[in-house]
């Protein structure tokens, strides 16, 4: 995980086995939106990375969404 120098996003690098585009598709079924890392490269790179926005206040819904996202990522390994 990166330490943001400003802004409202955090960059996460997951296990190389996790394809964050597939994770993105699965997460949408739960109304969870992430930005797969490959969106930020013209080459086939960052397939195991993602960007999360944390511009919204911390709520139970956000916490539950992160738990679900973690579960989906774990299942993707």
PDB file of N, CA and C in Angstrom:
ATOM      1  N   UNK A   1       0.854  -1.174   0.000  1.00  0.00           N
ATOM      2  CA  UNK A   1       0.000   0.000   0.000  1.00  0.00           C
ATOM      3  C   UNK A   1       0.893   1.228   0.000  1.00  0.00           C
ATOM      4  N   UNK A   2       0.537   2.206  -0.785  1.00  0.00           N
ATOM      5  CA  UNK A   2       1.304   3.446  -0.822  1.00  0.00           C
ATOM      6  C   UNK A   2       0.852   4.370   0.301  1.00  0.00           C
ATOM      7  N   UNK A   3       1.722   5.268   0.694  1.00  0.00           N
ATOM      8  CA  UNK A   3       1.354   6.304   1.653  1.00  0.00           C
ATOM      9  C   UNK A   3       1.073   7.569   0.845  1.00  0.00           C
ATOM     10  N   UNK A   4      -0.195   7.917   0.704  1.00  0.00           N
ATOM     11  CA  UNK A   4      -0.536   9.081  -0.134  1.00  0.00           C
ATOM     12  C   UNK A   4       0.102  10.368   0.380  1.00  0.00           C
ATOM     13  N   UNK A   5       0.602  11.155  -0.560  1.00  0.00           N
ATOM     14  CA  UNK A   5       1.172  12.451  -0.225  1.00  0.00           C
ATOM     15  C   UNK A   5       0.110  13.545  -0.282  1.00  0.00           C
ATOM     16  N   UNK A   6      -1.070  13.190  -0.686  1.00  0.00           N
ATOM     17  CA  UNK A   6      -2.180  14.131  -0.789  1.00  0.00           C
ATOM     18  C   UNK A   6      -3.278  13.495  -1.619  1.00  0.00           C
ATOM     19  N   UNK A   7      -4.386  14.140  -1.705  1.00  0.00           N
ATOM     20  CA  UNK A   7      -5.491  13.602  -2.492  1.00  0.00           C
ATOM     21  C   UNK A   7      -6.331  12.626  -1.691  1.00  0.00           C
ATOM     22  N   UNK A   8      -7.168  11.920  -2.416  1.00  0.00           N
ATOM     23  CA  UNK A   8      -8.136  11.032  -1.780  1.00  0.00           C
ATOM     24  C   UNK A   8      -8.098   9.622  -2.360  1.00  0.00           C
ATOM     25  N   UNK A   9      -6.928   9.152  -2.746  1.00  0.00           N
ATOM     26  CA  UNK A   9      -6.817   7.798  -3.286  1.00  0.00           C
ATOM     27  C   UNK A   9      -5.628   7.089  -2.653  1.00  0.00           C
ATOM     28  N   UNK A  10      -5.723   5.769  -2.661  1.00  0.00           N
ATOM     29  CA  UNK A  10      -4.624   4.942  -2.190  1.00  0.00           C
ATOM     30  C   UNK A  10      -4.384   3.871  -3.257  1.00  0.00           C
ATOM     31  N   UNK A  11      -3.119   3.572  -3.515  1.00  0.00           N
ATOM     32  CA  UNK A  11      -2.712   2.584  -4.504  1.00  0.00           C
ATOM     33  C   UNK A  11      -2.323   1.320  -3.767  1.00  0.00           C
ATOM     34  N   UNK A  12      -2.940   0.200  -4.130  1.00  0.00           N
ATOM     35  CA  UNK A  12      -2.658  -1.079  -3.487  1.00  0.00           C
ATOM     36  C   UNK A  12      -2.049  -2.043  -4.485  1.00  0.00           C
ATOM     37  N   UNK A  13      -0.992  -2.732  -4.062  1.00  0.00           N
ATOM     38  CA  UNK A  13      -0.407  -3.797  -4.865  1.00  0.00           C
ATOM     39  C   UNK A  13      -0.724  -5.110  -4.168  1.00  0.00           C
ATOM     40  N   UNK A  14      -1.489  -5.949  -4.840  1.00  0.00           N
ATOM     41  CA  UNK A  14      -1.924  -7.220  -4.278  1.00  0.00           C
ATOM     42  C   UNK A  14      -1.014  -8.343  -4.762  1.00  0.00           C
ATOM     43  N   UNK A  15      -1.281  -9.538  -4.271  1.00  0.00           N
ATOM     44  CA  UNK A  15      -0.564 -10.736  -4.703  1.00  0.00           C
ATOM     45  C   UNK A  15      -0.586 -10.821  -6.228  1.00  0.00           C
ATOM     46  N   UNK A  16       0.511 -11.229  -6.819  1.00  0.00           N
ATOM     47  CA  UNK A  16       0.615 -11.311  -8.289  1.00  0.00           C
ATOM     48  C   UNK A  16      -0.448 -12.222  -8.906  1.00  0.00           C
ATOM     49  N   UNK A  17      -1.002 -13.139  -8.128  1.00  0.00           N
ATOM     50  CA  UNK A  17      -2.017 -14.068  -8.637  1.00  0.00           C
ATOM     51  C   UNK A  17      -3.385 -13.405  -8.811  1.00  0.00           C
ATOM     52  N   UNK A  18      -3.568 -12.224  -8.229  1.00  0.00           N
ATOM     53  CA  UNK A  18      -4.874 -11.568  -8.258  1.00  0.00           C
ATOM     54  C   UNK A  18      -4.947 -10.607  -9.439  1.00  0.00           C
ATOM     55  N   UNK A  19      -5.910 -10.836 -10.311  1.00  0.00           N
ATOM     56  CA  UNK A  19      -6.164  -9.958 -11.445  1.00  0.00           C
ATOM     57  C   UNK A  19      -7.220  -8.949 -11.002  1.00  0.00           C
ATOM     58  N   UNK A  20      -6.826  -7.701 -10.866  1.00  0.00           N
ATOM     59  CA  UNK A  20      -7.754  -6.708 -10.312  1.00  0.00           C
ATOM     60  C   UNK A  20      -8.858  -6.310 -11.294  1.00  0.00           C
ATOM     61  N   UNK A  21      -8.686  -6.615 -12.594  1.00  0.00           N
ATOM     62  CA  UNK A  21      -9.808  -6.368 -13.508  1.00  0.00           C
ATOM     63  C   UNK A  21     -10.923  -7.370 -13.223  1.00  0.00           C
ATOM     64  N   UNK A  22     -10.551  -8.626 -12.980  1.00  0.00           N
ATOM     65  CA  UNK A  22     -11.545  -9.631 -12.602  1.00  0.00           C
ATOM     66  C   UNK A  22     -12.156  -9.285 -11.241  1.00  0.00           C
ATOM     67  N   UNK A  23     -11.325  -8.815 -10.321  1.00  0.00           N
ATOM     68  CA  UNK A  23     -11.815  -8.385  -9.006  1.00  0.00           C
ATOM     69  C   UNK A  23     -12.808  -7.234  -9.164  1.00  0.00           C
ATOM     70  N   UNK A  24     -12.492  -6.298 -10.042  1.00  0.00           N
ATOM     71  CA  UNK A  24     -13.382  -5.174 -10.349  1.00  0.00           C
ATOM     72  C   UNK A  24     -14.751  -5.684 -10.808  1.00  0.00           C
ATOM     73  N   UNK A  25     -14.755  -6.656 -11.724  1.00  0.00           N
ATOM     74  CA  UNK A  25     -16.016  -7.197 -12.246  1.00  0.00           C
ATOM     75  C   UNK A  25     -16.821  -7.888 -11.153  1.00  0.00           C
ATOM     76  N   UNK A  26     -16.156  -8.644 -10.297  1.00  0.00           N
ATOM     77  CA  UNK A  26     -16.852  -9.318  -9.195  1.00  0.00           C
ATOM     78  C   UNK A  26     -17.384  -8.307  -8.182  1.00  0.00           C
ATOM     79  N   UNK A  27     -16.593  -7.292  -7.891  1.00  0.00           N
ATOM     80  CA  UNK A  27     -16.977  -6.288  -6.899  1.00  0.00           C
ATOM     81  C   UNK A  27     -18.207  -5.493  -7.349  1.00  0.00           C
ATOM     82  N   UNK A  28     -18.342  -5.273  -8.646  1.00  0.00           N
ATOM     83  CA  UNK A  28     -19.508  -4.539  -9.157  1.00  0.00           C
ATOM     84  C   UNK A  28     -20.815  -5.233  -8.800  1.00  0.00           C
ATOM     85  N   UNK A  29     -20.778  -6.566  -8.672  1.00  0.00           N
ATOM     86  CA  UNK A  29     -21.988  -7.296  -8.271  1.00  0.00           C
ATOM     87  C   UNK A  29     -22.454  -6.907  -6.875  1.00  0.00           C
ATOM     88  N   UNK A  30     -21.559  -6.309  -6.083  1.00  0.00           N
ATOM     89  CA  UNK A  30     -21.874  -5.863  -4.727  1.00  0.00           C
ATOM     90  C   UNK A  30     -21.934  -4.331  -4.643  1.00  0.00           C
ATOM     91  N   UNK A  31     -22.005  -3.682  -5.806  1.00  0.00           N
ATOM     92  CA  UNK A  31     -22.008  -2.206  -5.884  1.00  0.00           C
ATOM     93  C   UNK A  31     -20.756  -1.600  -5.273  1.00  0.00           C
ATOM     94  N   UNK A  32     -19.639  -2.300  -5.428  1.00  0.00           N
ATOM     95  CA  UNK A  32     -18.332  -1.809  -4.982  1.00  0.00           C
ATOM     96  C   UNK A  32     -17.551  -1.461  -6.236  1.00  0.00           C
ATOM     97  N   UNK A  33     -17.019  -0.255  -6.290  1.00  0.00           N
ATOM     98  CA  UNK A  33     -16.292   0.203  -7.460  1.00  0.00           C
ATOM     99  C   UNK A  33     -14.835   0.447  -7.098  1.00  0.00           C
ATOM    100  N   UNK A  34     -13.938  -0.218  -7.812  1.00  0.00           N
ATOM    101  CA  UNK A  34     -12.505  -0.005  -7.654  1.00  0.00           C
ATOM    102  C   UNK A  34     -11.944   0.351  -9.026  1.00  0.00           C
ATOM    103  N   UNK A  35     -10.740   0.864  -9.051  1.00  0.00           N
ATOM    104  CA  UNK A  35     -10.073   1.166 -10.314  1.00  0.00           C
ATOM    105  C   UNK A  35      -8.936   0.169 -10.509  1.00  0.00           C
ATOM    106  N   UNK A  36      -9.089  -0.789 -11.437  1.00  0.00           N
ATOM    107  CA  UNK A  36      -8.020  -1.757 -11.680  1.00  0.00           C
ATOM    108  C   UNK A  36      -6.758  -1.052 -12.166  1.00  0.00           C
ATOM    109  N   UNK A  37      -5.617  -1.548 -11.730  1.00  0.00           N
ATOM    110  CA  UNK A  37      -4.341  -0.907 -12.045  1.00  0.00           C
ATOM    111  C   UNK A  37      -4.031  -0.815 -13.524  1.00  0.00           C
ATOM    112  N   UNK A  38      -4.476  -1.783 -14.302  1.00  0.00           N
ATOM    113  CA  UNK A  38      -4.122  -1.756 -15.719  1.00  0.00           C
ATOM    114  C   UNK A  38      -4.728  -0.559 -16.448  1.00  0.00           C
ATOM    115  N   UNK A  39      -5.690   0.111 -15.853  1.00  0.00           N
ATOM    116  CA  UNK A  39      -6.262   1.330 -16.437  1.00  0.00           C
ATOM    117  C   UNK A  39      -5.234   2.463 -16.499  1.00  0.00           C
ATOM    118  N   UNK A  40      -4.158   2.336 -15.740  1.00  0.00           N
ATOM    119  CA  UNK A  40      -3.185   3.411 -15.608  1.00  0.00           C
ATOM    120  C   UNK A  40      -1.894   3.135 -16.373  1.00  0.00           C
ATOM    121  N   UNK A  41      -1.964   2.248 -17.358  1.00  0.00           N
ATOM    122  CA  UNK A  41      -0.794   1.929 -18.163  1.00  0.00           C
ATOM    123  C   UNK A  41      -1.233   1.562 -19.577  1.00  0.00           C
ATOM    124  N   UNK A  42      -0.429   1.942 -20.549  1.00  0.00           N
ATOM    125  CA  UNK A  42      -0.699   1.543 -21.925  1.00  0.00           C
ATOM    126  C   UNK A  42      -0.147   0.149 -22.211  1.00  0.00           C
ATOM    127  N   UNK A  43       0.737  -0.336 -21.351  1.00  0.00           N
ATOM    128  CA  UNK A  43       1.263  -1.691 -21.484  1.00  0.00           C
ATOM    129  C   UNK A  43       0.456  -2.625 -20.591  1.00  0.00           C
ATOM    130  N   UNK A  44       0.750  -3.901 -20.689  1.00  0.00           N
ATOM    131  CA  UNK A  44       0.071  -4.896 -19.857  1.00  0.00           C
ATOM    132  C   UNK A  44       0.765  -4.936 -18.500  1.00  0.00           C
ATOM    133  N   UNK A  45       0.499  -3.934 -17.670  1.00  0.00           N
ATOM    134  CA  UNK A  45       1.164  -3.800 -16.381  1.00  0.00           C
ATOM    135  C   UNK A  45       0.129  -3.523 -15.288  1.00  0.00           C
ATOM    136  N   UNK A  46       0.553  -3.670 -14.074  1.00  0.00           N
ATOM    137  CA  UNK A  46      -0.249  -3.352 -12.882  1.00  0.00           C
ATOM    138  C   UNK A  46      -1.527  -4.179 -12.781  1.00  0.00           C
ATOM    139  N   UNK A  47      -1.501  -5.389 -13.331  1.00  0.00           N
ATOM    140  CA  UNK A  47      -2.690  -6.246 -13.301  1.00  0.00           C
ATOM    141  C   UNK A  47      -3.068  -6.688 -11.897  1.00  0.00           C
ATOM    142  N   UNK A  48      -2.142  -6.608 -10.959  1.00  0.00           N
ATOM    143  CA  UNK A  48      -2.419  -6.999  -9.579  1.00  0.00           C
ATOM    144  C   UNK A  48      -2.538  -5.782  -8.657  1.00  0.00           C
ATOM    145  N   UNK A  49      -2.672  -4.601  -9.239  1.00  0.00           N
ATOM    146  CA  UNK A  49      -2.767  -3.362  -8.452  1.00  0.00           C
ATOM    147  C   UNK A  49      -4.157  -2.746  -8.620  1.00  0.00           C
ATOM    148  N   UNK A  50      -4.525  -1.913  -7.660  1.00  0.00           N
ATOM    149  CA  UNK A  50      -5.791  -1.201  -7.765  1.00  0.00           C
ATOM    150  C   UNK A  50      -5.709   0.123  -7.021  1.00  0.00           C
ATOM    151  N   UNK A  51      -6.610   0.985  -7.369  1.00  0.00           N
ATOM    152  CA  UNK A  51      -6.701   2.289  -6.721  1.00  0.00           C
ATOM    153  C   UNK A  51      -8.053   2.398  -6.040  1.00  0.00           C
ATOM    154  N   UNK A  52      -8.023   2.823  -4.783  1.00  0.00           N
ATOM    155  CA  UNK A  52      -9.242   3.035  -4.002  1.00  0.00           C
ATOM    156  C   UNK A  52      -9.363   4.512  -3.654  1.00  0.00           C
ATOM    157  N   UNK A  53     -10.555   5.021  -3.746  1.00  0.00           N
ATOM    158  CA  UNK A  53     -10.832   6.385  -3.313  1.00  0.00           C
ATOM    159  C   UNK A  53     -11.313   6.352  -1.873  1.00  0.00           C
ATOM    160  N   UNK A  54     -10.855   7.295  -1.076  1.00  0.00           N
ATOM    161  CA  UNK A  54     -11.360   7.391   0.296  1.00  0.00           C
ATOM    162  C   UNK A  54     -11.853   8.808   0.579  1.00  0.00           C
ATOM    163  N   UNK A  55     -12.561   9.358  -0.399  1.00  0.00           N
ATOM    164  CA  UNK A  55     -13.095  10.708  -0.281  1.00  0.00           C
ATOM    165  C   UNK A  55     -14.409  10.796   0.486  1.00  0.00           C
ATOM    166  N   UNK A  56     -15.034   9.653   0.753  1.00  0.00           N
ATOM    167  CA  UNK A  56     -16.286   9.642   1.494  1.00  0.00           C
ATOM    168  C   UNK A  56     -16.016   9.416   2.979  1.00  0.00           C
ATOM    169  N   UNK A  57     -16.892   9.893   3.841  1.00  0.00           N
ATOM    170  CA  UNK A  57     -16.724   9.632   5.280  1.00  0.00           C
ATOM    171  C   UNK A  57     -16.772   8.137   5.580  1.00  0.00           C
ATOM    172  N   UNK A  58     -16.060   7.730   6.623  1.00  0.00           N
ATOM    173  CA  UNK A  58     -16.056   6.330   7.041  1.00  0.00           C
ATOM    174  C   UNK A  58     -17.415   5.988   7.632  1.00  0.00           C
ATOM    175  N   UNK A  59     -18.050   4.976   7.060  1.00  0.00           N
ATOM    176  CA  UNK A  59     -19.358   4.529   7.542  1.00  0.00           C
ATOM    177  C   UNK A  59     -19.342   3.003   7.634  1.00  0.00           C
ATOM    178  N   UNK A  60     -20.376   2.475   8.209  1.00  0.00           N
ATOM    179  CA  UNK A  60     -20.522   1.016   8.282  1.00  0.00           C
ATOM    180  C   UNK A  60     -20.580   0.420   6.874  1.00  0.00           C
ATOM    181  N   UNK A  61     -21.258   1.124   5.965  1.00  0.00           N
ATOM    182  CA  UNK A  61     -21.373   0.656   4.585  1.00  0.00           C
ATOM    183  C   UNK A  61     -19.996   0.575   3.919  1.00  0.00           C
ATOM    184  N   UNK A  62     -19.165   1.571   4.127  1.00  0.00           N
ATOM    185  CA  UNK A  62     -17.807   1.565   3.574  1.00  0.00           C
ATOM    186  C   UNK A  62     -17.010   0.413   4.181  1.00  0.00           C
ATOM    187  N   UNK A  63     -17.108   0.253   5.481  1.00  0.00           N
ATOM    188  CA  UNK A  63     -16.394  -0.826   6.168  1.00  0.00           C
ATOM    189  C   UNK A  63     -16.845  -2.201   5.655  1.00  0.00           C
ATOM    190  N   UNK A  64     -18.143  -2.381   5.503  1.00  0.00           N
ATOM    191  CA  UNK A  64     -18.662  -3.647   4.980  1.00  0.00           C
ATOM    192  C   UNK A  64     -18.173  -3.888   3.553  1.00  0.00           C
ATOM    193  N   UNK A  65     -18.153  -2.824   2.747  1.00  0.00           N
ATOM    194  CA  UNK A  65     -17.665  -2.947   1.375  1.00  0.00           C
ATOM    195  C   UNK A  65     -16.204  -3.369   1.316  1.00  0.00           C
ATOM    196  N   UNK A  66     -15.390  -2.830   2.209  1.00  0.00           N
ATOM    197  CA  UNK A  66     -13.982  -3.226   2.257  1.00  0.00           C
ATOM    198  C   UNK A  66     -13.819  -4.679   2.692  1.00  0.00           C
ATOM    199  N   UNK A  67     -14.651  -5.104   3.603  1.00  0.00           N
ATOM    200  CA  UNK A  67     -14.620  -6.517   4.021  1.00  0.00           C
ATOM    201  C   UNK A  67     -14.966  -7.441   2.841  1.00  0.00           C
ATOM    202  N   UNK A  68     -16.004  -7.069   2.121  1.00  0.00           N
ATOM    203  CA  UNK A  68     -16.411  -7.871   0.956  1.00  0.00           C
ATOM    204  C   UNK A  68     -15.298  -7.873  -0.083  1.00  0.00           C
ATOM    205  N   UNK A  69     -14.709  -6.725  -0.339  1.00  0.00           N
ATOM    206  CA  UNK A  69     -13.617  -6.626  -1.302  1.00  0.00           C
ATOM    207  C   UNK A  69     -12.445  -7.511  -0.879  1.00  0.00           C
ATOM    208  N   UNK A  70     -12.114  -7.500   0.387  1.00  0.00           N
ATOM    209  CA  UNK A  70     -11.048  -8.362   0.895  1.00  0.00           C
ATOM    210  C   UNK A  70     -11.365  -9.833   0.707  1.00  0.00           C
ATOM    211  N   UNK A  71     -12.616 -10.202   0.963  1.00  0.00           N
ATOM    212  CA  UNK A  71     -13.039 -11.585   0.778  1.00  0.00           C
ATOM    213  C   UNK A  71     -12.941 -11.993  -0.691  1.00  0.00           C
ATOM    214  N   UNK A  72     -13.384 -11.117  -1.580  1.00  0.00           N
ATOM    215  CA  UNK A  72     -13.308 -11.412  -3.016  1.00  0.00           C
ATOM    216  C   UNK A  72     -11.857 -11.539  -3.474  1.00  0.00           C
ATOM    217  N   UNK A  73     -10.997 -10.679  -2.956  1.00  0.00           N
ATOM    218  CA  UNK A  73      -9.573 -10.747  -3.315  1.00  0.00           C
ATOM    219  C   UNK A  73      -8.956 -12.054  -2.828  1.00  0.00           C
ATOM    220  N   UNK A  74      -9.302 -12.444  -1.618  1.00  0.00           N
ATOM    221  CA  UNK A  74      -8.784 -13.690  -1.060  1.00  0.00           C
ATOM    222  C   UNK A  74      -9.236 -14.887  -1.899  1.00  0.00           C
ATOM    223  N   UNK A  75     -10.483 -14.873  -2.338  1.00  0.00           N
ATOM    224  CA  UNK A  75     -11.010 -15.956  -3.163  1.00  0.00           C
ATOM    225  C   UNK A  75     -10.361 -15.976  -4.557  1.00  0.00           C
ATOM    226  N   UNK A  76      -9.826 -14.852  -4.985  1.00  0.00           N
ATOM    227  CA  UNK A  76      -9.224 -14.739  -6.319  1.00  0.00           C
ATOM    228  C   UNK A  76      -7.816 -15.315  -6.381  1.00  0.00           C
ATOM    229  N   UNK A  77      -7.216 -15.585  -5.247  1.00  0.00           N
ATOM    230  CA  UNK A  77      -5.828 -16.082  -5.244  1.00  0.00           C
ATOM    231  C   UNK A  77      -5.727 -17.475  -5.742  1.00  0.00           C
TER     232      UNK A  77
END
